[in-house]
Amino acid sequence: MAHPLDPRQHVRHVVASRSITIWEMDVTNPVGIDNPCPPSLAWLMLRRNGRVQSLRVVFPAALR
């Protein structure tokens, strides 16, 4: 069960192949939290022989 102060993720786009899946997500932060998440992120899932080998979260680079 999600805590009321947890950020929420919403699927924006999905790309998948036999060995790689990428989920692009928009993030909604609750009002008033001290350390909000970036407004978007991506999950990268790598599979081998149909089994997940790695799951990583990737945040966008900060604008300079």
PDB file of N, CA and C in Angstrom:
ATOM      1  N   MET A   1       0.840  -1.177   0.000  1.00  0.00           N
ATOM      2  CA  MET A   1       0.000   0.000   0.000  1.00  0.00           C
ATOM      3  C   MET A   1       0.888   1.244   0.000  1.00  0.00           C
ATOM      4  N   ALA A   2       0.580   2.174  -0.867  1.00  0.00           N
ATOM      5  CA  ALA A   2       1.386   3.387  -1.003  1.00  0.00           C
ATOM      6  C   ALA A   2       1.138   4.339   0.153  1.00  0.00           C
ATOM      7  N   HIS A   3       2.196   4.966   0.557  1.00  0.00           N
ATOM      8  CA  HIS A   3       2.113   6.000   1.591  1.00  0.00           C
ATOM      9  C   HIS A   3       1.651   7.300   0.925  1.00  0.00           C
ATOM     10  N   PRO A   4       0.850   8.140   1.594  1.00  0.00           N
ATOM     11  CA  PRO A   4       0.332   9.366   0.955  1.00  0.00           C
ATOM     12  C   PRO A   4       1.418  10.349   0.538  1.00  0.00           C
ATOM     13  N   LEU A   5       2.636  10.241   1.089  1.00  0.00           N
ATOM     14  CA  LEU A   5       3.711  11.153   0.697  1.00  0.00           C
ATOM     15  C   LEU A   5       4.670  10.540  -0.318  1.00  0.00           C
ATOM     16  N   ASP A   6       4.348   9.364  -0.847  1.00  0.00           N
ATOM     17  CA  ASP A   6       5.173   8.741  -1.887  1.00  0.00           C
ATOM     18  C   ASP A   6       4.876   9.374  -3.241  1.00  0.00           C
ATOM     19  N   PRO A   7       5.907   9.590  -4.066  1.00  0.00           N
ATOM     20  CA  PRO A   7       5.659  10.050  -5.435  1.00  0.00           C
ATOM     21  C   PRO A   7       4.900   8.966  -6.214  1.00  0.00           C
ATOM     22  N   ARG A   8       4.143   9.374  -7.208  1.00  0.00           N
ATOM     23  CA  ARG A   8       3.393   8.444  -8.060  1.00  0.00           C
ATOM     24  C   ARG A   8       4.026   8.434  -9.449  1.00  0.00           C
ATOM     25  N   GLN A   9       4.111   7.243 -10.050  1.00  0.00           N
ATOM     26  CA  GLN A   9       4.646   7.112 -11.402  1.00  0.00           C
ATOM     27  C   GLN A   9       3.512   6.775 -12.354  1.00  0.00           C
ATOM     28  N   HIS A  10       3.563   7.387 -13.545  1.00  0.00           N
ATOM     29  CA  HIS A  10       2.545   7.174 -14.574  1.00  0.00           C
ATOM     30  C   HIS A  10       3.265   6.840 -15.879  1.00  0.00           C
ATOM     31  N   VAL A  11       2.901   5.720 -16.497  1.00  0.00           N
ATOM     32  CA  VAL A  11       3.558   5.288 -17.738  1.00  0.00           C
ATOM     33  C   VAL A  11       3.289   6.291 -18.849  1.00  0.00           C
ATOM     34  N   ARG A  12       4.365   6.754 -19.483  1.00  0.00           N
ATOM     35  CA  ARG A  12       4.260   7.654 -20.628  1.00  0.00           C
ATOM     36  C   ARG A  12       4.506   6.901 -21.944  1.00  0.00           C
ATOM     37  N   HIS A  13       5.491   5.985 -21.941  1.00  0.00           N
ATOM     38  CA  HIS A  13       5.858   5.293 -23.175  1.00  0.00           C
ATOM     39  C   HIS A  13       6.570   3.996 -22.823  1.00  0.00           C
ATOM     40  N   VAL A  14       6.370   2.956 -23.624  1.00  0.00           N
ATOM     41  CA  VAL A  14       7.031   1.671 -23.421  1.00  0.00           C
ATOM     42  C   VAL A  14       7.649   1.226 -24.729  1.00  0.00           C
ATOM     43  N   VAL A  15       8.898   0.758 -24.657  1.00  0.00           N
ATOM     44  CA  VAL A  15       9.583   0.160 -25.803  1.00  0.00           C
ATOM     45  C   VAL A  15      10.105  -1.189 -25.330  1.00  0.00           C
ATOM     46  N   ALA A  16       9.872  -2.229 -26.125  1.00  0.00           N
ATOM     47  CA  ALA A  16      10.290  -3.565 -25.681  1.00  0.00           C
ATOM     48  C   ALA A  16      10.808  -4.394 -26.846  1.00  0.00           C
ATOM     49  N   SER A  17      11.754  -5.249 -26.531  1.00  0.00           N
ATOM     50  CA  SER A  17      12.246  -6.261 -27.456  1.00  0.00           C
ATOM     51  C   SER A  17      12.363  -7.560 -26.668  1.00  0.00           C
ATOM     52  N   ARG A  18      12.962  -8.553 -27.250  1.00  0.00           N
ATOM     53  CA  ARG A  18      13.105  -9.840 -26.568  1.00  0.00           C
ATOM     54  C   ARG A  18      13.966  -9.729 -25.306  1.00  0.00           C
ATOM     55  N   SER A  19      14.978  -8.844 -25.339  1.00  0.00           N
ATOM     56  CA  SER A  19      15.919  -8.793 -24.221  1.00  0.00           C
ATOM     57  C   SER A  19      15.937  -7.477 -23.447  1.00  0.00           C
ATOM     58  N   ILE A  20      15.276  -6.440 -23.949  1.00  0.00           N
ATOM     59  CA  ILE A  20      15.291  -5.126 -23.290  1.00  0.00           C
ATOM     60  C   ILE A  20      13.875  -4.556 -23.248  1.00  0.00           C
ATOM     61  N   THR A  21      13.519  -3.976 -22.118  1.00  0.00           N
ATOM     62  CA  THR A  21      12.268  -3.221 -21.995  1.00  0.00           C
ATOM     63  C   THR A  21      12.596  -1.885 -21.335  1.00  0.00           C
ATOM     64  N   ILE A  22      12.044  -0.808 -21.878  1.00  0.00           N
ATOM     65  CA  ILE A  22      12.216   0.521 -21.314  1.00  0.00           C
ATOM     66  C   ILE A  22      10.835   1.086 -21.031  1.00  0.00           C
ATOM     67  N   TRP A  23      10.631   1.487 -19.775  1.00  0.00           N
ATOM     68  CA  TRP A  23       9.394   2.155 -19.372  1.00  0.00           C
ATOM     69  C   TRP A  23       9.733   3.612 -19.097  1.00  0.00           C
ATOM     70  N   GLU A  24       9.171   4.532 -19.859  1.00  0.00           N
ATOM     71  CA  GLU A  24       9.336   5.955 -19.580  1.00  0.00           C
ATOM     72  C   GLU A  24       8.176   6.381 -18.700  1.00  0.00           C
ATOM     73  N   MET A  25       8.502   7.081 -17.612  1.00  0.00           N
ATOM     74  CA  MET A  25       7.494   7.424 -16.616  1.00  0.00           C
ATOM     75  C   MET A  25       7.477   8.924 -16.340  1.00  0.00           C
ATOM     76  N   ASP A  26       6.289   9.455 -16.103  1.00  0.00           N
ATOM     77  CA  ASP A  26       6.129  10.794 -15.541  1.00  0.00           C
ATOM     78  C   ASP A  26       5.939  10.601 -14.045  1.00  0.00           C
ATOM     79  N   VAL A  27       6.492  11.501 -13.258  1.00  0.00           N
ATOM     80  CA  VAL A  27       6.419  11.389 -11.804  1.00  0.00           C
ATOM     81  C   VAL A  27       5.608  12.560 -11.245  1.00  0.00           C
ATOM     82  N   THR A  28       4.649  12.246 -10.381  1.00  0.00           N
ATOM     83  CA  THR A  28       3.869  13.255  -9.680  1.00  0.00           C
ATOM     84  C   THR A  28       4.277  13.221  -8.210  1.00  0.00           C
ATOM     85  N   ASN A  29       4.802  14.338  -7.736  1.00  0.00           N
ATOM     86  CA  ASN A  29       5.219  14.447  -6.337  1.00  0.00           C
ATOM     87  C   ASN A  29       4.104  15.072  -5.509  1.00  0.00           C
ATOM     88  N   PRO A  30       3.929  14.615  -4.273  1.00  0.00           N
ATOM     89  CA  PRO A  30       2.960  15.255  -3.395  1.00  0.00           C
ATOM     90  C   PRO A  30       3.406  16.680  -3.061  1.00  0.00           C
ATOM     91  N   VAL A  31       2.467  17.529  -2.800  1.00  0.00           N
ATOM     92  CA  VAL A  31       2.766  18.925  -2.449  1.00  0.00           C
ATOM     93  C   VAL A  31       3.431  18.961  -1.078  1.00  0.00           C
ATOM     94  N   GLY A  32       4.494  19.745  -0.977  1.00  0.00           N
ATOM     95  CA  GLY A  32       5.108  19.992   0.314  1.00  0.00           C
ATOM     96  C   GLY A  32       6.182  19.019   0.764  1.00  0.00           C
ATOM     97  N   ILE A  33       6.603  18.062  -0.075  1.00  0.00           N
ATOM     98  CA  ILE A  33       7.678  17.172   0.367  1.00  0.00           C
ATOM     99  C   ILE A  33       9.018  17.882   0.217  1.00  0.00           C
ATOM    100  N   ASP A  34       9.977  17.516   1.082  1.00  0.00           N
ATOM    101  CA  ASP A  34      11.262  18.209   1.141  1.00  0.00           C
ATOM    102  C   ASP A  34      12.197  17.887  -0.014  1.00  0.00           C
ATOM    103  N   ASN A  35      12.179  16.654  -0.499  1.00  0.00           N
ATOM    104  CA  ASN A  35      13.136  16.218  -1.516  1.00  0.00           C
ATOM    105  C   ASN A  35      12.383  15.524  -2.655  1.00  0.00           C
ATOM    106  N   PRO A  36      11.747  16.284  -3.564  1.00  0.00           N
ATOM    107  CA  PRO A  36      10.929  15.663  -4.601  1.00  0.00           C
ATOM    108  C   PRO A  36      11.762  14.929  -5.651  1.00  0.00           C
ATOM    109  N   CYS A  37      11.141  13.941  -6.277  1.00  0.00           N
ATOM    110  CA  CYS A  37      11.773  13.228  -7.385  1.00  0.00           C
ATOM    111  C   CYS A  37      11.752  14.101  -8.633  1.00  0.00           C
ATOM    112  N   PRO A  38      12.647  13.816  -9.595  1.00  0.00           N
ATOM    113  CA  PRO A  38      12.582  14.529 -10.879  1.00  0.00           C
ATOM    114  C   PRO A  38      11.227  14.262 -11.543  1.00  0.00           C
ATOM    115  N   PRO A  39      10.785  15.143 -12.450  1.00  0.00           N
ATOM    116  CA  PRO A  39       9.466  14.984 -13.064  1.00  0.00           C
ATOM    117  C   PRO A  39       9.347  13.809 -14.028  1.00  0.00           C
ATOM    118  N   SER A  40      10.477  13.185 -14.387  1.00  0.00           N
ATOM    119  CA  SER A  40      10.419  12.015 -15.271  1.00  0.00           C
ATOM    120  C   SER A  40      11.584  11.085 -14.947  1.00  0.00           C
ATOM    121  N   LEU A  41      11.433   9.817 -15.359  1.00  0.00           N
ATOM    122  CA  LEU A  41      12.483   8.822 -15.191  1.00  0.00           C
ATOM    123  C   LEU A  41      12.218   7.687 -16.169  1.00  0.00           C
ATOM    124  N   ALA A  42      13.150   6.767 -16.254  1.00  0.00           N
ATOM    125  CA  ALA A  42      12.969   5.586 -17.100  1.00  0.00           C
ATOM    126  C   ALA A  42      13.441   4.360 -16.327  1.00  0.00           C
ATOM    127  N   TRP A  43      12.727   3.261 -16.501  1.00  0.00           N
ATOM    128  CA  TRP A  43      13.144   1.968 -15.971  1.00  0.00           C
ATOM    129  C   TRP A  43      13.705   1.161 -17.126  1.00  0.00           C
ATOM    130  N   LEU A  44      14.877   0.562 -16.940  1.00  0.00           N
ATOM    131  CA  LEU A  44      15.531  -0.260 -17.953  1.00  0.00           C
ATOM    132  C   LEU A  44      15.611  -1.686 -17.433  1.00  0.00           C
ATOM    133  N   MET A  45      14.937  -2.613 -18.113  1.00  0.00           N
ATOM    134  CA  MET A  45      14.937  -4.023 -17.723  1.00  0.00           C
ATOM    135  C   MET A  45      15.691  -4.823 -18.786  1.00  0.00           C
ATOM    136  N   LEU A  46      16.707  -5.556 -18.341  1.00  0.00           N
ATOM    137  CA  LEU A  46      17.475  -6.420 -19.233  1.00  0.00           C
ATOM    138  C   LEU A  46      17.134  -7.870 -18.904  1.00  0.00           C
ATOM    139  N   ARG A  47      16.817  -8.667 -19.942  1.00  0.00           N
ATOM    140  CA  ARG A  47      16.443 -10.069 -19.744  1.00  0.00           C
ATOM    141  C   ARG A  47      17.378 -10.987 -20.523  1.00  0.00           C
ATOM    142  N   ARG A  48      17.550 -12.186 -19.985  1.00  0.00           N
ATOM    143  CA  ARG A  48      18.296 -13.239 -20.680  1.00  0.00           C
ATOM    144  C   ARG A  48      17.537 -14.537 -20.466  1.00  0.00           C
ATOM    145  N   ASN A  49      17.276 -15.246 -21.537  1.00  0.00           N
ATOM    146  CA  ASN A  49      16.520 -16.501 -21.473  1.00  0.00           C
ATOM    147  C   ASN A  49      15.169 -16.316 -20.788  1.00  0.00           C
ATOM    148  N   GLY A  50      14.530 -15.164 -21.016  1.00  0.00           N
ATOM    149  CA  GLY A  50      13.213 -14.904 -20.479  1.00  0.00           C
ATOM    150  C   GLY A  50      13.184 -14.491 -19.010  1.00  0.00           C
ATOM    151  N   ARG A  51      14.351 -14.346 -18.387  1.00  0.00           N
ATOM    152  CA  ARG A  51      14.412 -13.982 -16.969  1.00  0.00           C
ATOM    153  C   ARG A  51      15.082 -12.619 -16.805  1.00  0.00           C
ATOM    154  N   VAL A  52      14.585 -11.849 -15.866  1.00  0.00           N
ATOM    155  CA  VAL A  52      15.146 -10.520 -15.616  1.00  0.00           C
ATOM    156  C   VAL A  52      16.538 -10.674 -15.011  1.00  0.00           C
ATOM    157  N   GLN A  53      17.515 -10.039 -15.650  1.00  0.00           N
ATOM    158  CA  GLN A  53      18.890 -10.051 -15.157  1.00  0.00           C
ATOM    159  C   GLN A  53      19.241  -8.764 -14.429  1.00  0.00           C
ATOM    160  N   SER A  54      18.590  -7.667 -14.864  1.00  0.00           N
ATOM    161  CA  SER A  54      18.917  -6.368 -14.283  1.00  0.00           C
ATOM    162  C   SER A  54      17.717  -5.443 -14.421  1.00  0.00           C
ATOM    163  N   LEU A  55      17.483  -4.643 -13.396  1.00  0.00           N
ATOM    164  CA  LEU A  55      16.441  -3.625 -13.432  1.00  0.00           C
ATOM    165  C   LEU A  55      17.050  -2.348 -12.868  1.00  0.00           C
ATOM    166  N   ARG A  56      17.089  -1.306 -13.687  1.00  0.00           N
ATOM    167  CA  ARG A  56      17.723  -0.045 -13.283  1.00  0.00           C
ATOM    168  C   ARG A  56      16.770   1.109 -13.491  1.00  0.00           C
ATOM    169  N   VAL A  57      16.891   2.098 -12.633  1.00  0.00           N
ATOM    170  CA  VAL A  57      16.146   3.341 -12.817  1.00  0.00           C
ATOM    171  C   VAL A  57      17.136   4.381 -13.324  1.00  0.00           C
ATOM    172  N   VAL A  58      16.712   5.144 -14.331  1.00  0.00           N
ATOM    173  CA  VAL A  58      17.570   6.146 -14.958  1.00  0.00           C
ATOM    174  C   VAL A  58      16.872   7.495 -14.860  1.00  0.00           C
ATOM    175  N   PHE A  59      17.555   8.460 -14.248  1.00  0.00           N
ATOM    176  CA  PHE A  59      17.008   9.803 -14.136  1.00  0.00           C
ATOM    177  C   PHE A  59      17.614  10.675 -15.227  1.00  0.00           C
ATOM    178  N   PRO A  60      16.854  11.648 -15.733  1.00  0.00           N
ATOM    179  CA  PRO A  60      17.386  12.527 -16.775  1.00  0.00           C
ATOM    180  C   PRO A  60      18.540  13.379 -16.229  1.00  0.00           C
ATOM    181  N   ALA A  61      19.430  13.757 -17.111  1.00  0.00           N
ATOM    182  CA  ALA A  61      20.528  14.641 -16.713  1.00  0.00           C
ATOM    183  C   ALA A  61      19.975  16.006 -16.339  1.00  0.00           C
ATOM    184  N   ALA A  62      20.580  16.629 -15.368  1.00  0.00           N
ATOM    185  CA  ALA A  62      20.167  17.969 -14.958  1.00  0.00           C
ATOM    186  C   ALA A  62      20.511  18.976 -16.051  1.00  0.00           C
ATOM    187  N   LEU A  63      19.628  19.937 -16.262  1.00  0.00           N
ATOM    188  CA  LEU A  63      19.897  20.982 -17.236  1.00  0.00           C
ATOM    189  C   LEU A  63      20.977  21.900 -16.715  1.00  0.00           C
ATOM    190  N   ARG A  64      21.853  22.334 -17.620  1.00  0.00           N
ATOM    191  CA  ARG A  64      22.949  23.218 -17.205  1.00  0.00           C
ATOM    192  C   ARG A  64      22.675  24.629 -17.618  1.00  0.00           C
TER     193      ARG A  64
END
